[in-house]
Amino acid sequence: MIDFTEEQVQRYSRHILLQDVGVEGQEKIMNAKVLVVGAGGLGAPVSLYLAAAGIGRIGIVDADEVDLSNLQRQVIHFTKDVGVPKVDSAREKIMAINPDVEVVTYKVFLNASNALDIIREYDFVVDGTDNFPVKFLINDACVMTGKPFSHGGILRFTGQTFTHLPGTACYRCMFKEPPPAGSVPTCSQAGVLGAIAGMLGTIQAAETLKYVTGVGELLTDRLLTFDAKTMQFRTVPVKRRDTCPVCGSHPTIDHLIDYEQAVCELKHH
């Protein structure tokens, strides 16, 4: 059991006051280890809110450096950070918000050779990536290691997310394989409203905290989509497919696959 300091009691008081969270829930948060893949538009709000909540260890995977074009939506990075590795920039802001948090950085591209080893160290994974191949990689690695994760995707004015737990629908239950390279426009080609990243990222952060504390209903077997132009939110029921090639009864995918990279997507439903 964690012996809370006076400063921690004050810092986390609004969580502790919540009947569904309380001291026990905050202790679960502080003992949790969460991996955020991508320190960009989605990873930025996710990391900031998880840090503020007091997640014990936050792992951040990103091989890129901060670019000026990132600043329109990646709120964890500031103008002074242009040219700095995103993991270092993110770590600085996380520690500034909450020095209680342990931050582990991975300045690498997540791929078939390292994904299993990195993901195994964490309780929950947040997919904040911007391309189909890595989304399938995260899905497959989490299914193979029995790790829960939150999926997220944004494009233009729209967003989508769901949460996977072992035994519930996975990404491949909805999408069998990545689309052909070039068939879906990228964020750099089609654009994205910056605030959309915050809208979806905070939903993913909330799902993470709900999982850690055991509070509420997760977005399992449901795909949440929204269109910010109309502010219409829609929840689509999805089912785990027994014939799914990775989580079905007789999986045909038994190793991780590095598909050809294509950047930033969101498939419409």
C-alpha atoms as a PDB file:
ATOM      1  CA  MET A   1       0.000   0.000   0.000  1.00  0.00           C
ATOM      2  CA  ILE A   2       1.256   3.473  -0.917  1.00  0.00           C
ATOM      3  CA  ASP A   3       1.882   5.848   1.968  1.00  0.00           C
ATOM      4  CA  PHE A   4       0.581   9.096   0.459  1.00  0.00           C
ATOM      5  CA  THR A   5       2.455  12.279   1.278  1.00  0.00           C
ATOM      6  CA  GLU A   6       0.508  15.415   2.154  1.00  0.00           C
ATOM      7  CA  GLU A   7       1.437  16.839  -1.231  1.00  0.00           C
ATOM      8  CA  GLN A   8       0.092  13.742  -3.019  1.00  0.00           C
ATOM      9  CA  VAL A   9      -3.155  13.854  -1.062  1.00  0.00           C
ATOM     10  CA  GLN A  10      -3.579  17.447  -2.173  1.00  0.00           C
ATOM     11  CA  ARG A  11      -2.479  16.796  -5.768  1.00  0.00           C
ATOM     12  CA  TYR A  12      -4.888  13.890  -6.242  1.00  0.00           C
ATOM     13  CA  SER A  13      -7.656  15.176  -3.992  1.00  0.00           C
ATOM     14  CA  ARG A  14     -10.239  15.433  -6.783  1.00  0.00           C
ATOM     15  CA  HIS A  15      -9.712  11.757  -7.599  1.00  0.00           C
ATOM     16  CA  ILE A  16      -9.771  10.751  -3.954  1.00  0.00           C
ATOM     17  CA  LEU A  17     -13.066  12.616  -3.497  1.00  0.00           C
ATOM     18  CA  LEU A  18     -14.676  10.533  -6.240  1.00  0.00           C
ATOM     19  CA  GLN A  19     -16.650   7.733  -4.615  1.00  0.00           C
ATOM     20  CA  ASP A  20     -15.776   5.350  -7.464  1.00  0.00           C
ATOM     21  CA  VAL A  21     -12.035   6.102  -7.240  1.00  0.00           C
ATOM     22  CA  GLY A  22     -11.025   7.121  -3.724  1.00  0.00           C
ATOM     23  CA  VAL A  23      -7.685   6.280  -2.139  1.00  0.00           C
ATOM     24  CA  GLU A  24      -7.717   2.699  -3.446  1.00  0.00           C
ATOM     25  CA  GLY A  25      -8.320   3.833  -7.008  1.00  0.00           C
ATOM     26  CA  GLN A  26      -5.599   6.449  -6.823  1.00  0.00           C
ATOM     27  CA  GLU A  27      -3.222   3.811  -5.501  1.00  0.00           C
ATOM     28  CA  LYS A  28      -4.038   1.653  -8.539  1.00  0.00           C
ATOM     29  CA  ILE A  29      -3.285   4.605 -10.798  1.00  0.00           C
ATOM     30  CA  MET A  30       0.049   5.236  -9.117  1.00  0.00           C
ATOM     31  CA  ASN A  31       1.007   1.563  -9.441  1.00  0.00           C
ATOM     32  CA  ALA A  32       0.023   1.344 -13.119  1.00  0.00           C
ATOM     33  CA  LYS A  33       2.375   1.118 -16.097  1.00  0.00           C
ATOM     34  CA  VAL A  34       1.038   2.515 -19.376  1.00  0.00           C
ATOM     35  CA  LEU A  35       2.737   2.539 -22.771  1.00  0.00           C
ATOM     36  CA  VAL A  36       1.867   5.366 -25.169  1.00  0.00           C
ATOM     37  CA  VAL A  37       2.895   4.599 -28.747  1.00  0.00           C
ATOM     38  CA  GLY A  38       3.297   7.898 -30.554  1.00  0.00           C
ATOM     39  CA  ALA A  39       4.049  11.290 -28.986  1.00  0.00           C
ATOM     40  CA  GLY A  40       2.001  13.183 -31.547  1.00  0.00           C
ATOM     41  CA  GLY A  41      -1.549  14.474 -31.821  1.00  0.00           C
ATOM     42  CA  LEU A  42      -3.144  11.691 -29.758  1.00  0.00           C
ATOM     43  CA  GLY A  43      -0.172  10.778 -27.585  1.00  0.00           C
ATOM     44  CA  ALA A  44       0.199  14.392 -26.443  1.00  0.00           C
ATOM     45  CA  PRO A  45      -3.122  14.765 -24.565  1.00  0.00           C
ATOM     46  CA  VAL A  46      -3.020  11.129 -23.468  1.00  0.00           C
ATOM     47  CA  SER A  47       0.413  11.560 -21.886  1.00  0.00           C
ATOM     48  CA  LEU A  48      -0.437  14.879 -20.244  1.00  0.00           C
ATOM     49  CA  TYR A  49      -3.635  13.594 -18.631  1.00  0.00           C
ATOM     50  CA  LEU A  50      -2.086  10.306 -17.531  1.00  0.00           C
ATOM     51  CA  ALA A  51       0.808  12.235 -15.987  1.00  0.00           C
ATOM     52  CA  ALA A  52      -1.560  14.599 -14.224  1.00  0.00           C
ATOM     53  CA  ALA A  53      -3.532  11.617 -12.922  1.00  0.00           C
ATOM     54  CA  GLY A  54      -0.378  10.106 -11.415  1.00  0.00           C
ATOM     55  CA  ILE A  55       0.193   6.989 -13.545  1.00  0.00           C
ATOM     56  CA  GLY A  56       3.274   5.398 -11.986  1.00  0.00           C
ATOM     57  CA  ARG A  57       5.211   4.662 -15.158  1.00  0.00           C
ATOM     58  CA  ILE A  58       4.563   6.085 -18.606  1.00  0.00           C
ATOM     59  CA  GLY A  59       6.466   4.620 -21.528  1.00  0.00           C
ATOM     60  CA  ILE A  60       6.638   6.707 -24.711  1.00  0.00           C
ATOM     61  CA  VAL A  61       7.596   5.281 -28.098  1.00  0.00           C
ATOM     62  CA  ASP A  62       8.429   7.685 -30.938  1.00  0.00           C
ATOM     63  CA  ALA A  63      11.412   7.913 -33.276  1.00  0.00           C
ATOM     64  CA  ASP A  64      10.612  11.349 -34.711  1.00  0.00           C
ATOM     65  CA  GLU A  65      11.749  14.873 -33.872  1.00  0.00           C
ATOM     66  CA  VAL A  66       9.426  17.821 -33.324  1.00  0.00           C
ATOM     67  CA  ASP A  67       8.514  19.638 -36.535  1.00  0.00           C
ATOM     68  CA  LEU A  68       6.923  23.071 -36.797  1.00  0.00           C
ATOM     69  CA  SER A  69       3.866  21.537 -38.475  1.00  0.00           C
ATOM     70  CA  ASN A  70       3.297  19.359 -35.386  1.00  0.00           C
ATOM     71  CA  LEU A  71       2.565  22.305 -33.110  1.00  0.00           C
ATOM     72  CA  GLN A  72      -0.946  22.883 -34.514  1.00  0.00           C
ATOM     73  CA  ARG A  73      -2.205  19.817 -32.610  1.00  0.00           C
ATOM     74  CA  GLN A  74       0.603  18.124 -30.642  1.00  0.00           C
ATOM     75  CA  VAL A  75       0.171  20.204 -27.496  1.00  0.00           C
ATOM     76  CA  ILE A  76       2.908  18.500 -25.482  1.00  0.00           C
ATOM     77  CA  HIS A  77       5.515  20.134 -27.739  1.00  0.00           C
ATOM     78  CA  PHE A  78       6.357  23.846 -27.735  1.00  0.00           C
ATOM     79  CA  THR A  79       7.987  26.115 -30.328  1.00  0.00           C
ATOM     80  CA  LYS A  80      11.352  25.820 -28.567  1.00  0.00           C
ATOM     81  CA  ASP A  81      11.198  22.040 -29.049  1.00  0.00           C
ATOM     82  CA  VAL A  82      11.389  22.102 -32.857  1.00  0.00           C
ATOM     83  CA  GLY A  83      14.196  19.725 -33.810  1.00  0.00           C
ATOM     84  CA  VAL A  84      14.185  17.971 -30.413  1.00  0.00           C
ATOM     85  CA  PRO A  85      13.317  14.244 -30.211  1.00  0.00           C
ATOM     86  CA  LYS A  86       9.625  13.974 -29.426  1.00  0.00           C
ATOM     87  CA  VAL A  87      10.232  11.520 -26.574  1.00  0.00           C
ATOM     88  CA  ASP A  88      12.582  14.007 -24.872  1.00  0.00           C
ATOM     89  CA  SER A  89      10.189  16.916 -25.359  1.00  0.00           C
ATOM     90  CA  ALA A  90       7.289  14.843 -24.001  1.00  0.00           C
ATOM     91  CA  ARG A  91       9.310  13.639 -21.029  1.00  0.00           C
ATOM     92  CA  GLU A  92      10.174  17.241 -20.084  1.00  0.00           C
ATOM     93  CA  LYS A  93       6.496  18.298 -20.026  1.00  0.00           C
ATOM     94  CA  ILE A  94       5.385  15.189 -18.140  1.00  0.00           C
ATOM     95  CA  MET A  95       7.978  15.753 -15.432  1.00  0.00           C
ATOM     96  CA  ALA A  96       7.012  19.426 -15.236  1.00  0.00           C
ATOM     97  CA  ILE A  97       3.383  18.459 -14.597  1.00  0.00           C
ATOM     98  CA  ASN A  98       4.111  15.649 -12.169  1.00  0.00           C
ATOM     99  CA  PRO A  99       7.591  14.702 -10.916  1.00  0.00           C
ATOM    100  CA  ASP A 100       6.065  11.609  -9.242  1.00  0.00           C
ATOM    101  CA  VAL A 101       5.803   9.908 -12.627  1.00  0.00           C
ATOM    102  CA  GLU A 102       8.528   7.645 -13.986  1.00  0.00           C
ATOM    103  CA  VAL A 103       8.988   8.208 -17.720  1.00  0.00           C
ATOM    104  CA  VAL A 104      10.652   5.592 -19.920  1.00  0.00           C
ATOM    105  CA  THR A 105      11.454   6.740 -23.450  1.00  0.00           C
ATOM    106  CA  TYR A 106      11.989   4.639 -26.565  1.00  0.00           C
ATOM    107  CA  LYS A 107      13.364   6.678 -29.473  1.00  0.00           C
ATOM    108  CA  VAL A 108      12.671   3.901 -31.931  1.00  0.00           C
ATOM    109  CA  PHE A 109      10.151   2.919 -34.561  1.00  0.00           C
ATOM    110  CA  LEU A 110       7.920   0.215 -33.117  1.00  0.00           C
ATOM    111  CA  ASN A 111       8.347  -2.809 -35.381  1.00  0.00           C
ATOM    112  CA  ALA A 112       8.113  -6.571 -35.474  1.00  0.00           C
ATOM    113  CA  SER A 113      11.541  -6.978 -33.884  1.00  0.00           C
ATOM    114  CA  ASN A 114      10.939  -4.874 -30.740  1.00  0.00           C
ATOM    115  CA  ALA A 115       7.182  -4.579 -30.175  1.00  0.00           C
ATOM    116  CA  LEU A 116       6.691  -7.684 -28.038  1.00  0.00           C
ATOM    117  CA  ASP A 117       9.613  -6.902 -25.736  1.00  0.00           C
ATOM    118  CA  ILE A 118       8.492  -3.300 -25.193  1.00  0.00           C
ATOM    119  CA  ILE A 119       4.771  -4.022 -24.762  1.00  0.00           C
ATOM    120  CA  ARG A 120       5.305  -6.891 -22.308  1.00  0.00           C
ATOM    121  CA  GLU A 121       6.562  -4.423 -19.676  1.00  0.00           C
ATOM    122  CA  TYR A 122       3.243  -2.536 -19.434  1.00  0.00           C
ATOM    123  CA  ASP A 123      -0.277  -3.057 -18.099  1.00  0.00           C
ATOM    124  CA  PHE A 124      -2.076  -1.097 -20.810  1.00  0.00           C
ATOM    125  CA  VAL A 125      -1.149   0.241 -24.250  1.00  0.00           C
ATOM    126  CA  VAL A 126      -2.430   3.379 -25.959  1.00  0.00           C
ATOM    127  CA  ASP A 127      -2.234   3.473 -29.741  1.00  0.00           C
ATOM    128  CA  GLY A 128      -1.564   7.101 -30.651  1.00  0.00           C
ATOM    129  CA  THR A 129       0.011   6.310 -34.020  1.00  0.00           C
ATOM    130  CA  ASP A 130      -0.851   7.771 -37.402  1.00  0.00           C
ATOM    131  CA  ASN A 131      -0.509   4.849 -39.794  1.00  0.00           C
ATOM    132  CA  PHE A 132      -2.220   1.558 -40.518  1.00  0.00           C
ATOM    133  CA  PRO A 133       0.822  -0.763 -40.404  1.00  0.00           C
ATOM    134  CA  VAL A 134       1.749   0.175 -36.830  1.00  0.00           C
ATOM    135  CA  LYS A 135      -1.880  -0.010 -35.715  1.00  0.00           C
ATOM    136  CA  PHE A 136      -2.038  -3.611 -36.909  1.00  0.00           C
ATOM    137  CA  LEU A 137       1.345  -4.276 -35.301  1.00  0.00           C
ATOM    138  CA  ILE A 138       0.135  -2.914 -31.938  1.00  0.00           C
ATOM    139  CA  ASN A 139      -3.082  -4.899 -32.193  1.00  0.00           C
ATOM    140  CA  ASP A 140      -1.308  -8.157 -32.979  1.00  0.00           C
ATOM    141  CA  ALA A 141       1.375  -7.660 -30.328  1.00  0.00           C
ATOM    142  CA  CYS A 142      -1.215  -6.863 -27.653  1.00  0.00           C
ATOM    143  CA  VAL A 143      -3.371  -9.857 -28.574  1.00  0.00           C
ATOM    144  CA  MET A 144      -0.326 -12.144 -28.549  1.00  0.00           C
ATOM    145  CA  THR A 145       0.814 -10.870 -25.131  1.00  0.00           C
ATOM    146  CA  GLY A 146      -2.690 -10.614 -23.639  1.00  0.00           C
ATOM    147  CA  LYS A 147      -2.412  -6.850 -23.141  1.00  0.00           C
ATOM    148  CA  PRO A 148      -5.408  -4.489 -23.239  1.00  0.00           C
ATOM    149  CA  PHE A 149      -5.121  -1.421 -25.440  1.00  0.00           C
ATOM    150  CA  SER A 150      -6.928   1.678 -26.680  1.00  0.00           C
ATOM    151  CA  HIS A 151      -7.095   2.291 -30.425  1.00  0.00           C
ATOM    152  CA  GLY A 152      -7.444   5.799 -31.826  1.00  0.00           C
ATOM    153  CA  GLY A 153      -7.464   7.376 -35.275  1.00  0.00           C
ATOM    154  CA  ILE A 154      -8.170  10.875 -36.610  1.00  0.00           C
ATOM    155  CA  LEU A 155      -8.484  12.557 -40.014  1.00  0.00           C
ATOM    156  CA  ARG A 156      -9.937  15.878 -41.145  1.00  0.00           C
ATOM    157  CA  PHE A 157     -12.843  16.466 -38.692  1.00  0.00           C
ATOM    158  CA  THR A 158     -13.445  12.869 -37.613  1.00  0.00           C
ATOM    159  CA  GLY A 159     -12.192  10.444 -34.986  1.00  0.00           C
ATOM    160  CA  GLN A 160     -12.645   6.830 -33.956  1.00  0.00           C
ATOM    161  CA  THR A 161     -11.669   4.764 -30.933  1.00  0.00           C
ATOM    162  CA  PHE A 162     -12.322   1.474 -29.180  1.00  0.00           C
ATOM    163  CA  THR A 163     -10.792  -0.464 -26.303  1.00  0.00           C
ATOM    164  CA  HIS A 164      -9.630  -4.051 -26.546  1.00  0.00           C
ATOM    165  CA  LEU A 165      -9.431  -6.498 -23.660  1.00  0.00           C
ATOM    166  CA  PRO A 166      -8.458 -10.154 -24.073  1.00  0.00           C
ATOM    167  CA  GLY A 167     -11.539 -11.954 -25.364  1.00  0.00           C
ATOM    168  CA  THR A 168     -13.171  -8.891 -26.939  1.00  0.00           C
ATOM    169  CA  ALA A 169     -13.124  -7.668 -30.537  1.00  0.00           C
ATOM    170  CA  CYS A 170      -9.706  -6.626 -31.779  1.00  0.00           C
ATOM    171  CA  TYR A 171      -8.685  -4.342 -34.655  1.00  0.00           C
ATOM    172  CA  ARG A 172      -8.482  -7.273 -37.088  1.00  0.00           C
ATOM    173  CA  CYS A 173     -12.037  -8.283 -36.183  1.00  0.00           C
ATOM    174  CA  MET A 174     -13.066  -5.000 -37.837  1.00  0.00           C
ATOM    175  CA  PHE A 175     -10.353  -4.592 -40.467  1.00  0.00           C
ATOM    176  CA  LYS A 176      -8.695  -7.740 -41.751  1.00  0.00           C
ATOM    177  CA  GLU A 177      -5.515  -6.076 -43.053  1.00  0.00           C
ATOM    178  CA  PRO A 178      -4.124  -2.640 -43.917  1.00  0.00           C
ATOM    179  CA  PRO A 179      -5.505  -0.999 -47.079  1.00  0.00           C
ATOM    180  CA  PRO A 180      -3.196  -0.745 -50.098  1.00  0.00           C
ATOM    181  CA  ALA A 181      -0.585   1.982 -49.697  1.00  0.00           C
ATOM    182  CA  GLY A 182      -1.873   5.284 -51.077  1.00  0.00           C
ATOM    183  CA  SER A 183      -5.546   4.262 -51.070  1.00  0.00           C
ATOM    184  CA  VAL A 184      -6.373   6.386 -48.006  1.00  0.00           C
ATOM    185  CA  PRO A 185      -5.274  10.049 -47.772  1.00  0.00           C
ATOM    186  CA  THR A 186      -2.813  11.027 -45.078  1.00  0.00           C
ATOM    187  CA  CYS A 187      -3.110  13.875 -42.586  1.00  0.00           C
ATOM    188  CA  SER A 188      -0.428  15.755 -44.523  1.00  0.00           C
ATOM    189  CA  GLN A 189      -2.518  15.340 -47.683  1.00  0.00           C
ATOM    190  CA  ALA A 190      -6.035  15.807 -46.324  1.00  0.00           C
ATOM    191  CA  GLY A 191      -5.395  17.836 -43.149  1.00  0.00           C
ATOM    192  CA  VAL A 192      -6.791  17.506 -39.655  1.00  0.00           C
ATOM    193  CA  LEU A 193      -8.455  19.969 -37.287  1.00  0.00           C
ATOM    194  CA  GLY A 194      -6.007  20.298 -34.400  1.00  0.00           C
ATOM    195  CA  ALA A 195      -8.603  20.136 -31.629  1.00  0.00           C
ATOM    196  CA  ILE A 196      -9.794  16.732 -32.906  1.00  0.00           C
ATOM    197  CA  ALA A 197      -6.597  15.220 -31.530  1.00  0.00           C
ATOM    198  CA  GLY A 198      -7.437  16.602 -28.100  1.00  0.00           C
ATOM    199  CA  MET A 199     -11.018  15.336 -28.266  1.00  0.00           C
ATOM    200  CA  LEU A 200      -9.984  11.795 -29.089  1.00  0.00           C
ATOM    201  CA  GLY A 201      -6.848  11.724 -26.963  1.00  0.00           C
ATOM    202  CA  THR A 202      -8.721  12.674 -23.815  1.00  0.00           C
ATOM    203  CA  ILE A 203     -11.243   9.900 -24.498  1.00  0.00           C
ATOM    204  CA  GLN A 204      -8.344   7.450 -24.743  1.00  0.00           C
ATOM    205  CA  ALA A 205      -6.879   8.795 -21.492  1.00  0.00           C
ATOM    206  CA  ALA A 206     -10.249   8.348 -19.780  1.00  0.00           C
ATOM    207  CA  GLU A 207     -10.503   4.768 -21.058  1.00  0.00           C
ATOM    208  CA  THR A 208      -7.017   4.073 -19.697  1.00  0.00           C
ATOM    209  CA  LEU A 209      -7.893   5.417 -16.257  1.00  0.00           C
ATOM    210  CA  LYS A 210     -11.193   3.519 -16.264  1.00  0.00           C
ATOM    211  CA  TYR A 211      -9.326   0.310 -17.017  1.00  0.00           C
ATOM    212  CA  VAL A 212      -6.725   0.921 -14.324  1.00  0.00           C
ATOM    213  CA  THR A 213      -9.294   1.753 -11.636  1.00  0.00           C
ATOM    214  CA  GLY A 214     -11.958  -0.719 -12.773  1.00  0.00           C
ATOM    215  CA  VAL A 215     -14.548   2.035 -12.967  1.00  0.00           C
ATOM    216  CA  GLY A 216     -17.364   2.185 -15.522  1.00  0.00           C
ATOM    217  CA  GLU A 217     -17.905   0.495 -18.889  1.00  0.00           C
ATOM    218  CA  LEU A 218     -15.057   0.386 -21.363  1.00  0.00           C
ATOM    219  CA  LEU A 219     -15.443   0.807 -25.115  1.00  0.00           C
ATOM    220  CA  THR A 220     -15.088  -2.920 -25.687  1.00  0.00           C
ATOM    221  CA  ASP A 221     -16.983  -4.498 -28.591  1.00  0.00           C
ATOM    222  CA  ARG A 222     -17.982  -0.948 -29.571  1.00  0.00           C
ATOM    223  CA  LEU A 223     -16.441   1.511 -32.015  1.00  0.00           C
ATOM    224  CA  LEU A 224     -16.976   5.147 -31.045  1.00  0.00           C
ATOM    225  CA  THR A 225     -16.871   7.593 -33.958  1.00  0.00           C
ATOM    226  CA  PHE A 226     -17.498  11.319 -34.107  1.00  0.00           C
ATOM    227  CA  ASP A 227     -17.707  14.130 -36.631  1.00  0.00           C
ATOM    228  CA  ALA A 228     -16.721  17.472 -35.151  1.00  0.00           C
ATOM    229  CA  LYS A 229     -18.439  19.389 -37.959  1.00  0.00           C
ATOM    230  CA  THR A 230     -21.819  18.324 -36.625  1.00  0.00           C
ATOM    231  CA  MET A 231     -20.713  17.163 -33.163  1.00  0.00           C
ATOM    232  CA  GLN A 232     -22.442  13.879 -33.831  1.00  0.00           C
ATOM    233  CA  PHE A 233     -21.130  10.951 -31.789  1.00  0.00           C
ATOM    234  CA  ARG A 234     -22.011   7.399 -32.772  1.00  0.00           C
ATOM    235  CA  THR A 235     -21.311   4.049 -31.138  1.00  0.00           C
ATOM    236  CA  VAL A 236     -21.274   1.047 -33.458  1.00  0.00           C
ATOM    237  CA  PRO A 237     -21.512  -2.454 -31.934  1.00  0.00           C
ATOM    238  CA  VAL A 238     -18.798  -4.818 -33.139  1.00  0.00           C
ATOM    239  CA  LYS A 239     -18.284  -8.495 -32.455  1.00  0.00           C
ATOM    240  CA  ARG A 240     -15.210 -10.591 -31.916  1.00  0.00           C
ATOM    241  CA  ARG A 241     -14.870 -12.802 -34.976  1.00  0.00           C
ATOM    242  CA  ASP A 242     -14.206 -16.433 -34.227  1.00  0.00           C
ATOM    243  CA  THR A 243     -12.450 -16.540 -37.606  1.00  0.00           C
ATOM    244  CA  CYS A 244     -10.230 -13.540 -36.782  1.00  0.00           C
ATOM    245  CA  PRO A 245      -6.705 -14.395 -37.971  1.00  0.00           C
ATOM    246  CA  VAL A 246      -5.109 -13.223 -34.708  1.00  0.00           C
ATOM    247  CA  CYS A 247      -7.663 -13.506 -31.860  1.00  0.00           C
ATOM    248  CA  GLY A 248      -9.980 -16.195 -33.259  1.00  0.00           C
ATOM    249  CA  SER A 249     -10.236 -19.822 -32.224  1.00  0.00           C
ATOM    250  CA  HIS A 250      -7.726 -20.924 -34.861  1.00  0.00           C
ATOM    251  CA  PRO A 251      -5.380 -17.972 -35.449  1.00  0.00           C
ATOM    252  CA  THR A 252      -3.375 -18.002 -38.673  1.00  0.00           C
ATOM    253  CA  ILE A 253      -1.119 -15.101 -37.698  1.00  0.00           C
ATOM    254  CA  ASP A 254       1.498 -16.353 -35.255  1.00  0.00           C
ATOM    255  CA  HIS A 255       4.174 -13.689 -35.717  1.00  0.00           C
ATOM    256  CA  LEU A 256       4.314  -9.910 -36.077  1.00  0.00           C
ATOM    257  CA  ILE A 257       4.270  -8.380 -39.541  1.00  0.00           C
ATOM    258  CA  ASP A 258       5.891  -5.141 -40.716  1.00  0.00           C
ATOM    259  CA  TYR A 259       3.551  -3.925 -43.428  1.00  0.00           C
ATOM    260  CA  GLU A 260       4.533  -1.210 -45.891  1.00  0.00           C
ATOM    261  CA  GLN A 261       4.263   2.151 -44.170  1.00  0.00           C
ATOM    262  CA  ALA A 262       1.501   4.630 -45.068  1.00  0.00           C
ATOM    263  CA  VAL A 263       0.985   7.676 -42.878  1.00  0.00           C
ATOM    264  CA  CYS A 264      -2.087   8.830 -40.891  1.00  0.00           C
ATOM    265  CA  GLU A 265      -5.517   7.464 -41.573  1.00  0.00           C
ATOM    266  CA  LEU A 266      -9.073   7.041 -40.474  1.00  0.00           C
ATOM    267  CA  LYS A 267     -11.377   4.738 -42.346  1.00  0.00           C
ATOM    268  CA  HIS A 268     -15.008   5.868 -42.445  1.00  0.00           C
ATOM    269  CA  HIS A 269     -17.844   3.616 -41.235  1.00  0.00           C
END
